[in-house]
Amino acid sequence: MLQIAKRYVSIVDSVNYRIGRIMMYFIFVMIGVLLWSSILKNALPIILQTPKMTMFSAKTAVSHKKLGGIYAKTQTRR
């Protein structure tokens, strides 16, 4: 039973490492969306895509915080 628990923890830890690494680099996607949104807002003031892009950026920020933050916490322990 103890071996099963150890194996489960190692599998969860490796999945967490891989997903967290991807999400830590996802911040560049957020930066790109915010830059694109601000460029479009200044270039074409009547753009309907800006609110949608803002909502997408908020969702990416939440996912970055949830998944990338866990990865960052595990990396400080090692």
C-alpha atoms as a PDB file:
ATOM      1  CA  MET A   1       0.000   0.000   0.000  1.00  0.00           C
ATOM      2  CA  LEU A   2       2.858   2.367   0.797  1.00  0.00           C
ATOM      3  CA  GLN A   3       4.446   1.749  -2.608  1.00  0.00           C
ATOM      4  CA  ILE A   4       1.168   2.608  -4.340  1.00  0.00           C
ATOM      5  CA  ALA A   5       0.959   5.888  -2.441  1.00  0.00           C
ATOM      6  CA  LYS A   6       4.567   6.753  -3.288  1.00  0.00           C
ATOM      7  CA  ARG A   7       3.992   5.965  -6.957  1.00  0.00           C
ATOM      8  CA  TYR A   8       0.806   8.074  -7.000  1.00  0.00           C
ATOM      9  CA  VAL A   9       2.619  11.045  -5.452  1.00  0.00           C
ATOM     10  CA  SER A  10       5.478  10.783  -7.940  1.00  0.00           C
ATOM     11  CA  ILE A  11       3.049  10.666 -10.893  1.00  0.00           C
ATOM     12  CA  VAL A  12       1.114  13.686  -9.618  1.00  0.00           C
ATOM     13  CA  ASP A  13       4.375  15.522  -8.985  1.00  0.00           C
ATOM     14  CA  SER A  14       5.653  14.893 -12.511  1.00  0.00           C
ATOM     15  CA  VAL A  15       2.350  15.995 -14.089  1.00  0.00           C
ATOM     16  CA  ASN A  16       2.397  19.104 -11.912  1.00  0.00           C
ATOM     17  CA  TYR A  17       5.954  19.866 -13.036  1.00  0.00           C
ATOM     18  CA  ARG A  18       5.139  19.614 -16.738  1.00  0.00           C
ATOM     19  CA  ILE A  19       1.887  21.597 -16.613  1.00  0.00           C
ATOM     20  CA  GLY A  20       3.444  24.206 -14.346  1.00  0.00           C
ATOM     21  CA  ARG A  21       6.396  24.703 -16.672  1.00  0.00           C
ATOM     22  CA  ILE A  22       4.054  25.308 -19.601  1.00  0.00           C
ATOM     23  CA  MET A  23       1.920  27.712 -17.591  1.00  0.00           C
ATOM     24  CA  MET A  24       4.933  29.703 -16.392  1.00  0.00           C
ATOM     25  CA  TYR A  25       5.725  30.505 -20.014  1.00  0.00           C
ATOM     26  CA  PHE A  26       2.059  31.317 -20.633  1.00  0.00           C
ATOM     27  CA  ILE A  27       2.715  34.775 -19.205  1.00  0.00           C
ATOM     28  CA  PHE A  28       4.163  35.740 -22.586  1.00  0.00           C
ATOM     29  CA  VAL A  29       0.793  34.938 -24.163  1.00  0.00           C
ATOM     30  CA  MET A  30      -0.863  37.259 -21.666  1.00  0.00           C
ATOM     31  CA  ILE A  31       1.616  40.025 -22.460  1.00  0.00           C
ATOM     32  CA  GLY A  32       0.965  39.572 -26.175  1.00  0.00           C
ATOM     33  CA  VAL A  33      -2.808  39.739 -25.755  1.00  0.00           C
ATOM     34  CA  LEU A  34      -2.585  42.903 -23.666  1.00  0.00           C
ATOM     35  CA  LEU A  35      -0.208  44.554 -26.120  1.00  0.00           C
ATOM     36  CA  TRP A  36      -2.381  43.611 -29.084  1.00  0.00           C
ATOM     37  CA  SER A  37      -5.463  44.911 -27.297  1.00  0.00           C
ATOM     38  CA  SER A  38      -3.845  48.237 -26.482  1.00  0.00           C
ATOM     39  CA  ILE A  39      -2.519  48.631 -30.031  1.00  0.00           C
ATOM     40  CA  LEU A  40      -5.935  47.966 -31.514  1.00  0.00           C
ATOM     41  CA  LYS A  41      -7.621  50.271 -29.044  1.00  0.00           C
ATOM     42  CA  ASN A  42      -5.349  53.154 -30.016  1.00  0.00           C
ATOM     43  CA  ALA A  43      -5.314  52.433 -33.746  1.00  0.00           C
ATOM     44  CA  LEU A  44      -9.009  51.690 -34.226  1.00  0.00           C
ATOM     45  CA  PRO A  45     -11.096  53.107 -31.399  1.00  0.00           C
ATOM     46  CA  ILE A  46     -14.299  51.324 -32.454  1.00  0.00           C
ATOM     47  CA  ILE A  47     -13.232  47.729 -32.077  1.00  0.00           C
ATOM     48  CA  LEU A  48     -15.633  45.190 -30.646  1.00  0.00           C
ATOM     49  CA  GLN A  49     -12.939  42.589 -30.034  1.00  0.00           C
ATOM     50  CA  THR A  50     -11.313  44.516 -27.177  1.00  0.00           C
ATOM     51  CA  PRO A  51     -13.785  43.392 -24.461  1.00  0.00           C
ATOM     52  CA  LYS A  52     -13.478  39.799 -25.635  1.00  0.00           C
ATOM     53  CA  MET A  53      -9.699  40.010 -25.576  1.00  0.00           C
ATOM     54  CA  THR A  54      -9.830  41.512 -22.098  1.00  0.00           C
ATOM     55  CA  MET A  55     -11.974  38.638 -20.859  1.00  0.00           C
ATOM     56  CA  PHE A  56      -9.584  36.148 -22.466  1.00  0.00           C
ATOM     57  CA  SER A  57      -6.666  37.899 -20.796  1.00  0.00           C
ATOM     58  CA  ALA A  58      -8.399  37.701 -17.420  1.00  0.00           C
ATOM     59  CA  LYS A  59      -8.985  33.983 -17.899  1.00  0.00           C
ATOM     60  CA  THR A  60      -5.352  33.424 -18.851  1.00  0.00           C
ATOM     61  CA  ALA A  61      -4.257  35.393 -15.791  1.00  0.00           C
ATOM     62  CA  VAL A  62      -6.356  33.185 -13.525  1.00  0.00           C
ATOM     63  CA  SER A  63      -5.075  29.996 -15.136  1.00  0.00           C
ATOM     64  CA  HIS A  64      -1.502  31.277 -14.902  1.00  0.00           C
ATOM     65  CA  LYS A  65      -1.952  32.044 -11.216  1.00  0.00           C
ATOM     66  CA  LYS A  66      -3.581  28.699 -10.415  1.00  0.00           C
ATOM     67  CA  LEU A  67      -1.284  26.402 -12.372  1.00  0.00           C
ATOM     68  CA  GLY A  68       1.909  28.409 -12.608  1.00  0.00           C
ATOM     69  CA  GLY A  69       1.813  29.429  -8.964  1.00  0.00           C
ATOM     70  CA  ILE A  70       1.720  25.827  -7.833  1.00  0.00           C
ATOM     71  CA  TYR A  71       4.739  25.093  -9.993  1.00  0.00           C
ATOM     72  CA  ALA A  72       6.628  28.047  -8.528  1.00  0.00           C
ATOM     73  CA  LYS A  73       5.890  26.893  -4.989  1.00  0.00           C
ATOM     74  CA  THR A  74       7.162  23.391  -5.692  1.00  0.00           C
ATOM     75  CA  GLN A  75      10.361  24.742  -7.219  1.00  0.00           C
ATOM     76  CA  THR A  76      11.264  26.760  -4.114  1.00  0.00           C
ATOM     77  CA  ARG A  77      11.185  23.620  -1.965  1.00  0.00           C
ATOM     78  CA  ARG A  78      13.830  21.804  -3.995  1.00  0.00           C
END
